[in-house]
Each structure stands twice: as structure tokens, then as C-alpha cells.
Amino acid sequence: MPSWPPPDSPGRWSGRPRSVRDAARLGGRRPAGRDGPPHGRSDRHHARPVPRGRGGDRPHPADIARSVAAWRQGGPEGLALLERTWNPPAGDFDRARSALLAAGLPALRPHHNHLTDAVRGLQLRFGRDHRWYPYESEPGAEDWWPTGPAAPDPVGALTTLLAR
């Protein structure tokens, strides 16, 4: 089975996405008048794991679906948060954790730019744009999916996530 995209791509391959980032950018465009995923289901329910092609160089469909969800959530910053962590200033996390506790929301553990409650399957990721991006996973699974819109404050982001 040939690799995807094939080396020395002929003309029929020109213009096709060559990376998960391009696929997310292109796949994140919704048809006019279309809001949200089909049938009211979250994006994470559309990805069904399938084996990689021979050679393992084809992007996994679940990775593409997750990237599309991240792009829809926050564009380039949403995709960047999906792909890598960073170490934000401590003050942002201290204020966020205090605000969450004052609002009576679950305590989240910090790690890099993530605040996580793995037992409940909740996570907030802090972006370089100073917005909070909600993620969810099956409790204990550590399979994080972008969920819902980014918010300027962690209380709003977590409240939206808990309301799902």
C-alpha cells in the first residue's frame, strides 16, 4: 500500500492536506448556515479509531478529528494547545484556582498550562491568548478532547463544561 501522500506527488495530489494541521484548518470550515456537529453530538463522538495504513505515516482519523475540534474551538491557538504545553506565569494559575474554589467548582491540579481533574474527566488549558479552553475525557482515560468554546475566565469555561 503506498504511503500518504506519496513521495514526489503527481498533480492529482497537489492541493491536498499534507499534515494534520492543514486537515484541521480545512476540515474546520463549516458549510454556510451550519452550526455545530451533525445530530447535536459532540465532535469526539464522530471519530472512530481505525488502524493506520501500512507504514504508519497516514494521519490517524481520530487525530484528524481531534485537530478539527481544536481548530473549531480556537483556531490556531486552539490547535497549538492540542499539540503542545507551555509554562505560563504562576499568577494566572493561582488566580484561576482561587476563582474556581471560590465559585464552589471542583479543585483542579496544575501541570504546565493544564488544570486537570482526571477522576472526573475535566481539564482546562490556558492559552497564550489568556483564554481557558475546556477539554473532556472519559474519567480516568486521559484521552482529552476539545469541548466547547474558550472563555476569558476559568469559572466560565468550567461551568460550561460541567453543564454538558
N, C-alpha and C. Protein backbone atom coordinates (compact mmCIF):
# COMPACT_ATOMS: atom_id res chain seq x y z
N MET A 1 0.85 -1.17 0.00
CA MET A 1 0.00 0.00 0.00
C MET A 1 0.90 1.23 0.00
N PRO A 2 0.67 2.19 -0.89
CA PRO A 2 1.53 3.36 -0.95
C PRO A 2 1.32 4.27 0.26
N SER A 3 2.35 5.03 0.58
CA SER A 3 2.23 5.97 1.70
C SER A 3 1.37 7.15 1.29
N TRP A 4 0.86 7.89 2.29
CA TRP A 4 0.02 9.03 2.02
C TRP A 4 0.62 10.26 2.62
N PRO A 5 0.75 11.36 1.94
CA PRO A 5 0.70 11.45 0.49
C PRO A 5 1.95 10.83 -0.10
N PRO A 6 1.87 10.33 -1.32
CA PRO A 6 3.02 9.65 -1.90
C PRO A 6 4.18 10.61 -2.13
N PRO A 7 5.42 10.09 -2.01
CA PRO A 7 6.56 10.93 -2.32
C PRO A 7 6.49 11.34 -3.79
N ASP A 8 7.05 12.48 -4.12
CA ASP A 8 7.03 13.00 -5.49
C ASP A 8 5.60 13.01 -6.00
N SER A 9 4.71 13.66 -5.24
CA SER A 9 3.28 13.65 -5.54
C SER A 9 3.00 14.11 -6.97
N PRO A 10 2.22 13.32 -7.73
CA PRO A 10 1.79 13.77 -9.04
C PRO A 10 0.72 14.84 -8.89
N GLY A 11 0.29 15.45 -9.98
CA GLY A 11 -0.65 16.56 -9.97
C GLY A 11 -1.94 16.28 -9.24
N ARG A 12 -2.44 15.04 -9.28
CA ARG A 12 -3.72 14.77 -8.63
C ARG A 12 -3.63 14.94 -7.12
N TRP A 13 -2.44 14.94 -6.55
CA TRP A 13 -2.28 15.12 -5.11
C TRP A 13 -2.04 16.57 -4.74
N SER A 14 -1.79 17.43 -5.69
CA SER A 14 -1.49 18.82 -5.34
C SER A 14 -2.72 19.45 -4.71
N GLY A 15 -2.49 20.25 -3.71
CA GLY A 15 -3.57 20.93 -3.02
C GLY A 15 -4.21 20.12 -1.91
N ARG A 16 -3.86 18.87 -1.73
CA ARG A 16 -4.44 18.08 -0.65
C ARG A 16 -3.66 18.35 0.64
N PRO A 17 -4.32 18.21 1.79
CA PRO A 17 -3.64 18.46 3.05
C PRO A 17 -2.46 17.51 3.24
N ARG A 18 -1.35 18.05 3.69
CA ARG A 18 -0.17 17.23 3.92
C ARG A 18 0.10 17.03 5.40
N SER A 19 -0.70 17.61 6.25
CA SER A 19 -0.48 17.43 7.68
C SER A 19 -1.81 17.47 8.41
N VAL A 20 -1.76 17.05 9.63
CA VAL A 20 -2.96 17.11 10.46
C VAL A 20 -3.37 18.56 10.65
N ARG A 21 -2.41 19.46 10.74
CA ARG A 21 -2.71 20.89 10.91
C ARG A 21 -3.51 21.40 9.70
N ASP A 22 -3.08 21.07 8.50
CA ASP A 22 -3.81 21.51 7.31
C ASP A 22 -5.19 20.87 7.27
N ALA A 23 -5.27 19.60 7.63
CA ALA A 23 -6.57 18.92 7.62
C ALA A 23 -7.51 19.58 8.62
N ALA A 24 -7.00 19.95 9.79
CA ALA A 24 -7.83 20.60 10.79
C ALA A 24 -8.29 21.96 10.29
N ARG A 25 -7.40 22.71 9.70
CA ARG A 25 -7.75 24.03 9.20
C ARG A 25 -8.82 23.92 8.12
N LEU A 26 -8.64 23.00 7.19
CA LEU A 26 -9.59 22.84 6.11
C LEU A 26 -10.88 22.17 6.60
N GLY A 27 -10.74 21.18 7.45
CA GLY A 27 -11.91 20.47 7.96
C GLY A 27 -12.73 21.30 8.92
N GLY A 28 -12.12 22.31 9.53
CA GLY A 28 -12.82 23.16 10.48
C GLY A 28 -13.75 24.15 9.83
N ARG A 29 -13.70 24.28 8.53
CA ARG A 29 -14.61 25.18 7.83
C ARG A 29 -15.96 24.51 7.72
N ARG A 30 -16.97 25.16 8.22
CA ARG A 30 -18.32 24.60 8.17
C ARG A 30 -19.07 25.19 7.00
N PRO A 31 -19.95 24.43 6.40
CA PRO A 31 -20.79 24.97 5.34
C PRO A 31 -21.63 26.13 5.88
N ALA A 32 -21.97 27.07 5.02
CA ALA A 32 -22.76 28.23 5.42
C ALA A 32 -24.06 27.77 6.07
N GLY A 33 -24.43 28.43 7.17
CA GLY A 33 -25.67 28.10 7.86
C GLY A 33 -25.59 26.89 8.76
N ARG A 34 -24.43 26.34 8.95
CA ARG A 34 -24.28 25.11 9.73
C ARG A 34 -23.65 25.44 11.07
N ASP A 35 -24.32 25.16 12.15
CA ASP A 35 -23.78 25.38 13.48
C ASP A 35 -23.63 24.05 14.18
N GLY A 36 -22.42 23.76 14.64
CA GLY A 36 -22.18 22.57 15.43
C GLY A 36 -22.13 21.30 14.63
N PRO A 37 -21.77 20.20 15.28
CA PRO A 37 -21.66 18.91 14.63
C PRO A 37 -23.04 18.36 14.29
N PRO A 38 -23.11 17.41 13.35
CA PRO A 38 -24.41 16.86 12.97
C PRO A 38 -25.09 16.13 14.11
N HIS A 39 -26.40 16.15 14.10
CA HIS A 39 -27.24 15.40 15.03
C HIS A 39 -27.05 15.84 16.48
N GLY A 40 -26.46 17.05 16.72
CA GLY A 40 -26.31 17.56 18.07
C GLY A 40 -25.30 16.83 18.92
N ARG A 41 -24.47 15.99 18.32
CA ARG A 41 -23.48 15.23 19.08
C ARG A 41 -22.17 15.99 19.09
N SER A 42 -21.37 15.80 20.13
CA SER A 42 -20.08 16.48 20.19
C SER A 42 -19.12 15.85 19.18
N ASP A 43 -18.11 16.64 18.78
CA ASP A 43 -17.16 16.20 17.76
C ASP A 43 -16.47 14.89 18.14
N ARG A 44 -16.26 14.66 19.42
CA ARG A 44 -15.49 13.47 19.81
C ARG A 44 -16.22 12.18 19.51
N HIS A 45 -17.55 12.23 19.32
CA HIS A 45 -18.30 11.01 19.04
C HIS A 45 -18.24 10.61 17.57
N HIS A 46 -17.69 11.47 16.72
CA HIS A 46 -17.62 11.15 15.30
C HIS A 46 -16.36 10.39 14.93
N ALA A 47 -15.35 10.46 15.76
CA ALA A 47 -14.09 9.78 15.43
C ALA A 47 -14.15 8.35 15.94
N ARG A 48 -14.00 7.43 15.06
CA ARG A 48 -13.94 6.02 15.43
C ARG A 48 -12.54 5.54 15.12
N PRO A 49 -11.82 5.05 16.13
CA PRO A 49 -10.46 4.62 15.88
C PRO A 49 -10.41 3.52 14.82
N VAL A 50 -9.52 3.70 13.87
CA VAL A 50 -9.27 2.69 12.84
C VAL A 50 -7.77 2.53 12.73
N PRO A 51 -7.31 1.36 12.32
CA PRO A 51 -5.88 1.14 12.22
C PRO A 51 -5.24 2.08 11.20
N ARG A 52 -3.99 2.43 11.45
CA ARG A 52 -3.23 3.22 10.48
C ARG A 52 -2.93 2.35 9.27
N GLY A 53 -2.69 3.04 8.16
CA GLY A 53 -2.31 2.31 6.96
C GLY A 53 -0.94 1.69 7.13
N ARG A 54 -0.56 0.87 6.22
CA ARG A 54 0.77 0.27 6.28
C ARG A 54 1.81 1.35 6.23
N GLY A 55 2.85 1.18 6.98
CA GLY A 55 3.90 2.18 7.05
C GLY A 55 3.67 3.19 8.15
N GLY A 56 2.42 3.33 8.63
CA GLY A 56 2.12 4.19 9.76
C GLY A 56 2.27 5.68 9.51
N ASP A 57 2.45 6.12 8.25
CA ASP A 57 2.67 7.54 8.02
C ASP A 57 1.38 8.30 7.70
N ARG A 58 0.28 7.64 7.56
CA ARG A 58 -1.00 8.30 7.30
C ARG A 58 -1.53 8.81 8.64
N PRO A 59 -2.03 10.05 8.68
CA PRO A 59 -2.60 10.54 9.95
C PRO A 59 -3.77 9.67 10.39
N HIS A 60 -3.84 9.39 11.66
CA HIS A 60 -4.90 8.58 12.22
C HIS A 60 -6.20 9.40 12.17
N PRO A 61 -7.32 8.81 11.74
CA PRO A 61 -8.57 9.57 11.66
C PRO A 61 -8.97 10.23 12.98
N ALA A 62 -8.72 9.58 14.11
CA ALA A 62 -9.06 10.19 15.40
C ALA A 62 -8.21 11.43 15.65
N ASP A 63 -6.94 11.40 15.22
CA ASP A 63 -6.08 12.58 15.38
C ASP A 63 -6.59 13.74 14.54
N ILE A 64 -7.05 13.44 13.33
CA ILE A 64 -7.59 14.49 12.47
C ILE A 64 -8.87 15.05 13.08
N ALA A 65 -9.75 14.19 13.57
CA ALA A 65 -11.00 14.65 14.18
C ALA A 65 -10.72 15.51 15.41
N ARG A 66 -9.75 15.13 16.21
CA ARG A 66 -9.39 15.90 17.40
C ARG A 66 -8.82 17.26 16.99
N SER A 67 -8.01 17.27 15.93
CA SER A 67 -7.44 18.52 15.44
C SER A 67 -8.52 19.45 14.88
N VAL A 68 -9.48 18.88 14.18
CA VAL A 68 -10.60 19.69 13.67
C VAL A 68 -11.38 20.30 14.84
N ALA A 69 -11.63 19.51 15.87
CA ALA A 69 -12.35 20.02 17.05
C ALA A 69 -11.56 21.15 17.71
N ALA A 70 -10.23 21.01 17.81
CA ALA A 70 -9.40 22.05 18.40
C ALA A 70 -9.43 23.32 17.54
N TRP A 71 -9.40 23.15 16.22
CA TRP A 71 -9.44 24.31 15.32
C TRP A 71 -10.78 25.03 15.47
N ARG A 72 -11.86 24.29 15.54
CA ARG A 72 -13.18 24.90 15.71
C ARG A 72 -13.27 25.61 17.06
N GLN A 73 -12.62 25.07 18.05
CA GLN A 73 -12.67 25.64 19.38
C GLN A 73 -11.92 26.97 19.46
N GLY A 74 -10.77 27.06 18.81
CA GLY A 74 -9.97 28.27 19.00
C GLY A 74 -9.05 28.63 17.86
N GLY A 75 -9.25 28.08 16.67
CA GLY A 75 -8.40 28.43 15.54
C GLY A 75 -6.96 28.01 15.79
N PRO A 76 -6.01 28.84 15.36
CA PRO A 76 -4.59 28.47 15.52
C PRO A 76 -4.19 28.24 16.98
N GLU A 77 -4.72 29.06 17.90
CA GLU A 77 -4.37 28.89 19.32
C GLU A 77 -4.95 27.59 19.86
N GLY A 78 -6.17 27.26 19.47
CA GLY A 78 -6.77 26.00 19.91
C GLY A 78 -5.98 24.81 19.44
N LEU A 79 -5.50 24.86 18.21
CA LEU A 79 -4.69 23.77 17.67
C LEU A 79 -3.33 23.70 18.36
N ALA A 80 -2.74 24.85 18.65
CA ALA A 80 -1.45 24.87 19.35
C ALA A 80 -1.58 24.24 20.73
N LEU A 81 -2.68 24.51 21.43
CA LEU A 81 -2.88 23.93 22.76
C LEU A 81 -3.05 22.42 22.72
N LEU A 82 -3.63 21.94 21.64
CA LEU A 82 -3.78 20.50 21.48
C LEU A 82 -2.42 19.83 21.32
N GLU A 83 -1.52 20.47 20.61
CA GLU A 83 -0.26 19.86 20.21
C GLU A 83 0.88 20.01 21.22
N ARG A 84 0.86 21.06 22.05
CA ARG A 84 1.99 21.24 22.96
C ARG A 84 1.60 22.01 24.22
N THR A 85 2.41 21.82 25.26
CA THR A 85 2.22 22.52 26.52
C THR A 85 3.23 23.66 26.63
N TRP A 86 3.01 24.53 27.59
CA TRP A 86 3.95 25.61 27.88
C TRP A 86 3.80 25.96 29.36
N ASN A 87 4.71 26.73 29.88
CA ASN A 87 4.68 27.09 31.29
C ASN A 87 4.29 28.56 31.44
N PRO A 88 3.01 28.82 31.76
CA PRO A 88 2.56 30.20 31.94
C PRO A 88 3.03 30.77 33.28
N PRO A 89 2.94 32.07 33.44
CA PRO A 89 3.29 32.66 34.74
C PRO A 89 2.42 32.08 35.85
N ALA A 90 3.00 31.90 37.01
CA ALA A 90 2.28 31.27 38.13
C ALA A 90 1.07 32.07 38.56
N GLY A 91 1.11 33.37 38.47
CA GLY A 91 0.00 34.21 38.91
C GLY A 91 -1.31 33.87 38.24
N ASP A 92 -1.28 33.56 36.95
CA ASP A 92 -2.51 33.21 36.23
C ASP A 92 -3.15 31.96 36.82
N PHE A 93 -2.34 30.98 37.14
CA PHE A 93 -2.87 29.73 37.70
C PHE A 93 -3.34 29.93 39.13
N ASP A 94 -2.62 30.70 39.92
CA ASP A 94 -3.04 30.95 41.30
C ASP A 94 -4.41 31.63 41.32
N ARG A 95 -4.58 32.65 40.47
CA ARG A 95 -5.87 33.35 40.40
C ARG A 95 -6.97 32.41 39.90
N ALA A 96 -6.66 31.59 38.91
CA ALA A 96 -7.65 30.67 38.36
C ALA A 96 -8.10 29.65 39.40
N ARG A 97 -7.15 29.05 40.09
CA ARG A 97 -7.51 28.04 41.09
C ARG A 97 -8.31 28.65 42.22
N SER A 98 -7.94 29.86 42.66
CA SER A 98 -8.69 30.55 43.71
C SER A 98 -10.11 30.86 43.25
N ALA A 99 -10.26 31.33 42.01
CA ALA A 99 -11.59 31.66 41.47
C ALA A 99 -12.46 30.40 41.38
N LEU A 100 -11.88 29.29 40.96
CA LEU A 100 -12.64 28.04 40.85
C LEU A 100 -13.12 27.57 42.22
N LEU A 101 -12.24 27.62 43.21
CA LEU A 101 -12.62 27.20 44.57
C LEU A 101 -13.66 28.13 45.16
N ALA A 102 -13.51 29.45 44.95
CA ALA A 102 -14.47 30.43 45.48
C ALA A 102 -15.85 30.23 44.86
N ALA A 103 -15.90 29.75 43.63
CA ALA A 103 -17.17 29.50 42.95
C ALA A 103 -17.76 28.14 43.31
N GLY A 104 -17.06 27.38 44.16
CA GLY A 104 -17.55 26.07 44.56
C GLY A 104 -17.39 25.00 43.49
N LEU A 105 -16.47 25.22 42.56
CA LEU A 105 -16.23 24.26 41.48
C LEU A 105 -15.13 23.29 41.89
N PRO A 106 -15.02 22.17 41.19
CA PRO A 106 -14.02 21.17 41.57
C PRO A 106 -12.59 21.73 41.55
N ALA A 107 -11.78 21.25 42.49
CA ALA A 107 -10.37 21.62 42.52
C ALA A 107 -9.65 20.90 41.39
N LEU A 108 -8.84 21.64 40.65
CA LEU A 108 -8.10 21.07 39.52
C LEU A 108 -6.61 21.15 39.81
N ARG A 109 -5.88 20.12 39.40
CA ARG A 109 -4.43 20.06 39.64
C ARG A 109 -3.68 20.69 38.47
N PRO A 110 -2.71 21.56 38.77
CA PRO A 110 -1.95 22.20 37.69
C PRO A 110 -0.82 21.32 37.17
N HIS A 111 -0.59 21.40 35.89
CA HIS A 111 0.57 20.79 35.24
C HIS A 111 0.79 21.55 33.94
N HIS A 112 1.93 22.21 33.83
CA HIS A 112 2.20 23.11 32.71
C HIS A 112 1.04 24.10 32.59
N ASN A 113 0.42 24.19 31.43
CA ASN A 113 -0.70 25.12 31.24
C ASN A 113 -2.06 24.41 31.35
N HIS A 114 -2.09 23.27 32.00
CA HIS A 114 -3.33 22.50 32.17
C HIS A 114 -3.76 22.50 33.63
N LEU A 115 -5.05 22.63 33.86
CA LEU A 115 -5.66 22.38 35.16
C LEU A 115 -6.57 21.18 34.96
N THR A 116 -6.34 20.10 35.73
CA THR A 116 -6.99 18.82 35.41
C THR A 116 -7.61 18.17 36.64
N ASP A 117 -8.76 17.57 36.41
CA ASP A 117 -9.37 16.64 37.35
C ASP A 117 -9.58 15.34 36.55
N ALA A 118 -8.58 14.46 36.56
CA ALA A 118 -8.62 13.24 35.75
C ALA A 118 -9.71 12.29 36.21
N VAL A 119 -10.05 12.32 37.49
CA VAL A 119 -11.09 11.42 38.00
C VAL A 119 -12.44 11.76 37.38
N ARG A 120 -12.73 13.03 37.25
CA ARG A 120 -14.00 13.46 36.63
C ARG A 120 -13.90 13.62 35.12
N GLY A 121 -12.69 13.59 34.57
CA GLY A 121 -12.51 13.76 33.13
C GLY A 121 -12.67 15.21 32.69
N LEU A 122 -12.18 16.16 33.51
CA LEU A 122 -12.29 17.58 33.23
C LEU A 122 -10.90 18.19 33.10
N GLN A 123 -10.75 19.11 32.16
CA GLN A 123 -9.46 19.79 32.02
C GLN A 123 -9.69 21.17 31.41
N LEU A 124 -8.94 22.15 31.91
CA LEU A 124 -8.89 23.46 31.30
C LEU A 124 -7.46 23.68 30.84
N ARG A 125 -7.30 24.20 29.62
CA ARG A 125 -5.97 24.52 29.10
C ARG A 125 -5.91 26.03 28.92
N PHE A 126 -4.85 26.61 29.45
CA PHE A 126 -4.66 28.06 29.39
C PHE A 126 -3.84 28.39 28.15
N GLY A 127 -4.40 29.23 27.29
CA GLY A 127 -3.73 29.59 26.04
C GLY A 127 -2.88 30.84 26.19
N ARG A 128 -1.98 31.01 25.26
CA ARG A 128 -1.14 32.22 25.24
C ARG A 128 -1.98 33.47 24.97
N ASP A 129 -3.20 33.27 24.53
CA ASP A 129 -4.13 34.39 24.32
C ASP A 129 -4.90 34.72 25.59
N HIS A 130 -4.53 34.09 26.71
CA HIS A 130 -5.13 34.30 28.04
C HIS A 130 -6.60 33.89 28.09
N ARG A 131 -6.95 32.88 27.31
CA ARG A 131 -8.29 32.29 27.38
C ARG A 131 -8.15 30.86 27.87
N TRP A 132 -9.23 30.34 28.45
CA TRP A 132 -9.28 28.99 29.00
C TRP A 132 -10.06 28.10 28.06
N TYR A 133 -9.47 26.98 27.68
CA TYR A 133 -10.04 26.05 26.71
C TYR A 133 -10.47 24.78 27.43
N PRO A 134 -11.78 24.47 27.44
CA PRO A 134 -12.24 23.26 28.13
C PRO A 134 -11.98 22.00 27.31
N TYR A 135 -11.58 20.95 28.01
CA TYR A 135 -11.36 19.62 27.42
C TYR A 135 -12.08 18.62 28.30
N GLU A 136 -12.46 17.50 27.70
CA GLU A 136 -13.05 16.42 28.48
C GLU A 136 -12.48 15.09 28.03
N SER A 137 -12.61 14.12 28.92
CA SER A 137 -12.17 12.76 28.66
C SER A 137 -13.09 11.84 29.44
N GLU A 138 -13.13 10.60 29.04
CA GLU A 138 -13.81 9.62 29.89
C GLU A 138 -13.02 9.59 31.20
N PRO A 139 -13.69 9.58 32.34
CA PRO A 139 -12.96 9.60 33.62
C PRO A 139 -11.86 8.54 33.68
N GLY A 140 -10.66 9.00 33.99
CA GLY A 140 -9.51 8.11 34.13
C GLY A 140 -8.86 7.69 32.83
N ALA A 141 -9.41 8.08 31.67
CA ALA A 141 -8.90 7.59 30.38
C ALA A 141 -7.73 8.41 29.83
N GLU A 142 -7.61 9.68 30.23
CA GLU A 142 -6.53 10.55 29.72
C GLU A 142 -6.55 10.64 28.19
N ASP A 143 -7.74 10.69 27.60
CA ASP A 143 -7.92 10.84 26.16
C ASP A 143 -8.67 12.16 25.95
N TRP A 144 -7.95 13.27 26.01
CA TRP A 144 -8.55 14.60 26.08
C TRP A 144 -9.01 15.11 24.73
N TRP A 145 -10.26 15.63 24.71
CA TRP A 145 -10.87 16.19 23.51
C TRP A 145 -11.30 17.62 23.78
N PRO A 146 -11.02 18.54 22.86
CA PRO A 146 -11.52 19.91 22.99
C PRO A 146 -13.04 19.90 23.02
N THR A 147 -13.63 20.63 23.97
CA THR A 147 -15.08 20.60 24.15
C THR A 147 -15.58 22.00 24.49
N GLY A 148 -16.39 22.55 23.65
CA GLY A 148 -17.00 23.85 23.94
C GLY A 148 -16.07 25.00 23.63
N PRO A 149 -16.61 26.21 23.77
CA PRO A 149 -15.85 27.41 23.42
C PRO A 149 -14.85 27.80 24.50
N ALA A 150 -13.81 28.50 24.08
CA ALA A 150 -12.85 29.05 25.03
C ALA A 150 -13.50 30.23 25.75
N ALA A 151 -13.05 30.49 26.96
CA ALA A 151 -13.62 31.57 27.77
C ALA A 151 -12.49 32.41 28.36
N PRO A 152 -12.75 33.69 28.60
CA PRO A 152 -11.71 34.54 29.19
C PRO A 152 -11.45 34.26 30.66
N ASP A 153 -12.39 33.57 31.33
CA ASP A 153 -12.14 33.24 32.73
C ASP A 153 -12.37 31.75 32.96
N PRO A 154 -11.64 31.15 33.88
CA PRO A 154 -11.73 29.70 34.10
C PRO A 154 -13.08 29.26 34.67
N VAL A 155 -13.72 30.12 35.45
CA VAL A 155 -15.01 29.76 36.03
C VAL A 155 -16.04 29.57 34.91
N GLY A 156 -16.07 30.49 33.96
CA GLY A 156 -16.99 30.37 32.83
C GLY A 156 -16.72 29.14 31.99
N ALA A 157 -15.44 28.87 31.73
CA ALA A 157 -15.07 27.71 30.93
C ALA A 157 -15.47 26.40 31.62
N LEU A 158 -15.20 26.30 32.92
CA LEU A 158 -15.51 25.06 33.63
C LEU A 158 -17.02 24.91 33.85
N THR A 159 -17.72 26.01 34.09
CA THR A 159 -19.17 25.96 34.26
C THR A 159 -19.83 25.44 32.99
N THR A 160 -19.36 25.93 31.83
CA THR A 160 -19.89 25.46 30.56
C THR A 160 -19.62 23.98 30.37
N LEU A 161 -18.43 23.54 30.73
CA LEU A 161 -18.07 22.13 30.59
C LEU A 161 -18.92 21.25 31.51
N LEU A 162 -19.14 21.67 32.73
CA LEU A 162 -19.94 20.90 33.68
C LEU A 162 -21.41 20.83 33.29
N ALA A 163 -21.87 21.83 32.54
CA ALA A 163 -23.28 21.87 32.14
C ALA A 163 -23.59 20.94 30.98
N ARG A 164 -22.58 20.37 30.35
CA ARG A 164 -22.80 19.49 29.18
C ARG A 164 -23.43 18.20 29.59
